[in-house]
């Protein structure tokens, strides 16, 4: 969608995911433009990696890049516990905003997935 491409020229994928107003806008774009039966939350299953202490970024044209992959027991020992509501509160804020904007017109759904997010996230983290 052209609206999404315009936003991506100004913001990174992670910026959009971490900014509730931007995630809300991207989630609502297809709802406004075409007749959809649900809104799909714009987010990414790798977002929990950073609060776990596994920094990453998305490289344009390549995909996710883990800064320091988990390759040893010592690497695994540095993984932190975190409180999701605190560390990923921006996702909850976006969900609240989206639901308000949708006002029951269509349901809000998570992104369809092929694998359990926790397993796939760690497959990426292993590098």
Protein backbone atom coordinates (compact mmCIF):
# COMPACT_ATOMS: atom_id res chain seq x y z
CA UNK A 1 0.00 0.00 0.00
CA UNK A 2 1.31 3.41 -0.92
CA UNK A 3 0.48 4.84 2.53
CA UNK A 4 2.64 2.19 4.17
CA UNK A 5 5.52 2.76 1.75
CA UNK A 6 5.39 6.49 2.53
CA UNK A 7 5.68 5.77 6.26
CA UNK A 8 8.53 3.30 5.68
CA UNK A 9 10.49 6.01 3.87
CA UNK A 10 10.48 7.99 7.12
CA UNK A 11 10.45 5.26 9.80
CA UNK A 12 12.12 1.90 10.33
CA UNK A 13 10.06 -1.22 10.85
CA UNK A 14 10.99 -1.20 14.54
CA UNK A 15 10.05 2.48 14.87
CA UNK A 16 6.60 1.66 13.52
CA UNK A 17 6.22 -1.36 15.82
CA UNK A 18 7.39 0.58 18.90
CA UNK A 19 5.31 3.71 18.30
CA UNK A 20 1.63 3.12 19.08
CA UNK A 21 0.38 5.91 16.80
CA UNK A 22 2.36 4.52 13.85
CA UNK A 23 1.40 0.89 14.53
CA UNK A 24 -2.22 1.99 14.78
CA UNK A 25 -2.02 3.88 11.49
CA UNK A 26 -0.46 0.96 9.62
CA UNK A 27 -2.97 -1.50 11.11
CA UNK A 28 -5.91 0.69 10.04
CA UNK A 29 -4.71 1.46 6.49
CA UNK A 30 -6.19 -1.70 4.88
CA UNK A 31 -9.39 -1.31 6.90
CA UNK A 32 -9.88 2.18 5.48
CA UNK A 33 -8.95 1.30 1.92
CA UNK A 34 -10.50 -2.12 1.22
CA UNK A 35 -13.37 -4.19 2.53
CA UNK A 36 -11.62 -6.46 5.05
CA UNK A 37 -13.23 -8.78 7.57
CA UNK A 38 -10.65 -8.06 10.29
CA UNK A 39 -7.81 -5.70 11.15
CA UNK A 40 -4.42 -7.42 11.53
CA UNK A 41 -2.23 -6.00 14.30
CA UNK A 42 0.96 -4.52 12.88
CA UNK A 43 3.68 -5.84 15.16
CA UNK A 44 6.53 -8.35 15.08
CA UNK A 45 7.09 -11.57 16.97
CA UNK A 46 10.74 -10.65 17.62
CA UNK A 47 9.87 -7.65 19.80
CA UNK A 48 10.37 -9.62 23.07
CA UNK A 49 14.01 -10.30 22.17
CA UNK A 50 15.22 -6.83 23.16
CA UNK A 51 13.87 -6.88 26.73
CA UNK A 52 15.35 -10.38 27.01
CA UNK A 53 18.72 -8.70 26.39
CA UNK A 54 19.04 -9.81 22.78
CA UNK A 55 19.30 -6.64 20.67
CA UNK A 56 18.35 -6.87 17.01
CA UNK A 57 17.40 -4.77 14.03
CA UNK A 58 15.89 -5.31 10.62
CA UNK A 59 18.26 -4.88 7.72
CA UNK A 60 16.44 -3.58 4.65
CA UNK A 61 16.25 -6.27 2.01
CA UNK A 62 17.63 -8.95 4.33
CA UNK A 63 15.46 -9.31 7.42
CA UNK A 64 16.28 -9.56 11.12
CA UNK A 65 19.87 -9.29 12.31
CA UNK A 66 20.68 -10.34 15.87
CA UNK A 67 23.46 -8.20 17.33
CA UNK A 68 24.92 -10.95 19.52
CA UNK A 69 23.44 -14.36 18.67
CA UNK A 70 22.98 -17.02 21.36
CA UNK A 71 25.65 -19.60 20.61
CA UNK A 72 26.88 -20.78 24.00
CA UNK A 73 25.69 -21.42 27.54
CA UNK A 74 27.27 -18.12 28.54
CA UNK A 75 25.19 -16.34 25.90
CA UNK A 76 22.06 -18.06 27.19
CA UNK A 77 22.94 -17.08 30.78
CA UNK A 78 22.77 -13.39 29.85
CA UNK A 79 19.11 -13.67 28.78
CA UNK A 80 17.00 -11.61 31.19
CA UNK A 81 13.52 -12.06 32.56
CA UNK A 82 11.19 -9.13 31.96
CA UNK A 83 7.69 -7.92 32.69
CA UNK A 84 5.87 -7.86 29.33
CA UNK A 85 3.38 -5.16 30.33
CA UNK A 86 6.26 -2.83 31.15
CA UNK A 87 8.77 -3.70 28.44
CA UNK A 88 6.24 -4.16 25.64
CA UNK A 89 3.62 -1.68 26.85
CA UNK A 90 3.72 0.09 23.49
CA UNK A 91 2.07 -2.97 21.91
CA UNK A 92 -0.75 -2.83 24.45
CA UNK A 93 -1.12 0.91 23.86
CA UNK A 94 -1.41 0.29 20.11
CA UNK A 95 -4.03 -2.43 20.69
CA UNK A 96 -6.12 -0.05 22.81
CA UNK A 97 -5.85 2.70 20.19
CA UNK A 98 -6.76 0.36 17.35
CA UNK A 99 -9.78 -1.06 19.17
CA UNK A 100 -10.99 2.48 19.90
CA UNK A 101 -10.57 3.49 16.26
CA UNK A 102 -12.27 0.35 14.95
CA UNK A 103 -15.24 0.91 17.27
CA UNK A 104 -16.45 -2.65 16.62
CA UNK A 105 -16.55 -2.24 12.82
CA UNK A 106 -14.28 -5.29 12.35
CA UNK A 107 -12.40 -7.42 14.90
CA UNK A 108 -8.70 -6.95 15.63
CA UNK A 109 -6.60 -10.08 15.07
CA UNK A 110 -2.94 -10.89 15.72
CA UNK A 111 -0.80 -11.58 12.69
CA UNK A 112 -1.26 -15.11 11.39
CA UNK A 113 1.74 -17.25 12.25
CA UNK A 114 3.22 -20.49 11.04
CA UNK A 115 5.26 -21.30 14.16
CA UNK A 116 4.99 -20.59 17.85
CA UNK A 117 6.43 -17.08 18.30
CA UNK A 118 8.68 -17.98 21.24
CA UNK A 119 10.35 -20.83 19.34
CA UNK A 120 10.79 -18.83 16.14
CA UNK A 121 12.20 -15.87 18.07
CA UNK A 122 14.86 -18.07 19.60
CA UNK A 123 15.67 -19.65 16.27
CA UNK A 124 16.51 -16.15 15.05
CA UNK A 125 18.42 -15.42 18.27
CA UNK A 126 20.63 -18.45 17.71
CA UNK A 127 21.86 -16.83 14.53
